């Protein structure tokens, strides 16, 4: 994948979006919304915002890696 300046790549494990109380689709939608709302902020802040938005009783391990392409 070639990133252009300003692009953000979000990699995550399934523990972030899976929840026994709701569908995987719902978890993915929440992730997309949280990452989209963090447009233009530094990568570490994207992580913080995504994790805060995806809060909940995760029953699985969670890993999140965010890369922001800079000029």
Protein backbone atom coordinates (compact mmCIF):
# COMPACT_ATOMS: atom_id res chain seq x y z
CA UNK A 1 0.00 0.00 0.00
CA UNK A 2 1.35 3.39 -0.91
CA UNK A 3 0.30 6.15 1.45
CA UNK A 4 0.22 9.78 0.45
CA UNK A 5 0.85 12.60 2.94
CA UNK A 6 -2.02 12.80 5.41
CA UNK A 7 -3.20 9.21 4.85
CA UNK A 8 -3.73 7.06 7.90
CA UNK A 9 -3.39 3.28 8.04
CA UNK A 10 -5.18 1.55 10.91
CA UNK A 11 -4.30 -2.06 11.72
CA UNK A 12 -6.13 -3.90 14.49
CA UNK A 13 -6.86 -7.31 15.90
CA UNK A 14 -10.32 -8.81 15.94
CA UNK A 15 -10.62 -8.23 19.68
CA UNK A 16 -11.18 -4.53 18.99
CA UNK A 17 -14.31 -5.01 16.89
CA UNK A 18 -15.78 -8.29 18.13
CA UNK A 19 -18.31 -8.23 20.92
CA UNK A 20 -20.64 -11.05 21.88
CA UNK A 21 -23.44 -8.57 22.50
CA UNK A 22 -23.51 -7.15 18.96
CA UNK A 23 -22.65 -8.04 15.39
CA UNK A 24 -19.22 -7.76 13.83
CA UNK A 25 -20.75 -5.30 11.38
CA UNK A 26 -21.64 -3.01 14.25
CA UNK A 27 -18.09 -3.19 15.61
CA UNK A 28 -16.59 -2.42 12.20
CA UNK A 29 -18.97 0.52 11.73
CA UNK A 30 -17.93 1.93 15.09
CA UNK A 31 -14.26 1.55 14.16
CA UNK A 32 -14.71 3.29 10.80
CA UNK A 33 -16.63 6.14 12.44
CA UNK A 34 -14.04 6.58 15.20
CA UNK A 35 -11.10 6.55 12.79
CA UNK A 36 -12.88 8.90 10.40
CA UNK A 37 -13.64 11.34 13.20
CA UNK A 38 -9.91 11.49 13.97
CA UNK A 39 -9.03 12.76 10.48
CA UNK A 40 -5.91 14.89 10.48
CA UNK A 41 -4.76 14.25 14.05
CA UNK A 42 -1.42 12.61 14.94
CA UNK A 43 -1.27 8.81 14.94
CA UNK A 44 -1.00 8.49 18.72
CA UNK A 45 -4.14 10.57 19.15
CA UNK A 46 -5.96 8.46 16.57
CA UNK A 47 -5.13 5.43 18.75
CA UNK A 48 -6.45 7.17 21.86
CA UNK A 49 -9.66 8.26 20.15
CA UNK A 50 -10.34 4.87 18.56
CA UNK A 51 -9.73 3.03 21.82
CA UNK A 52 -11.99 5.45 23.70
CA UNK A 53 -14.76 5.07 21.12
CA UNK A 54 -14.47 1.29 21.15
CA UNK A 55 -14.56 1.11 24.94
CA UNK A 56 -16.27 -1.79 26.46
CA UNK A 57 -15.63 -5.06 28.13
CA UNK A 58 -13.33 -6.57 25.55
CA UNK A 59 -13.19 -10.29 26.16
CA UNK A 60 -10.29 -10.76 23.76
CA UNK A 61 -6.90 -9.14 23.49
CA UNK A 62 -6.74 -5.88 21.57
CA UNK A 63 -3.89 -4.53 19.48
CA UNK A 64 -4.05 -1.32 17.48
CA UNK A 65 -1.39 0.19 15.24
CA UNK A 66 -1.86 3.51 13.48
CA UNK A 67 0.54 4.92 10.89
CA UNK A 68 0.16 8.47 9.60
CA UNK A 69 2.02 9.42 6.40
CA UNK A 70 3.74 12.76 6.75
CA UNK A 71 5.08 15.01 3.99
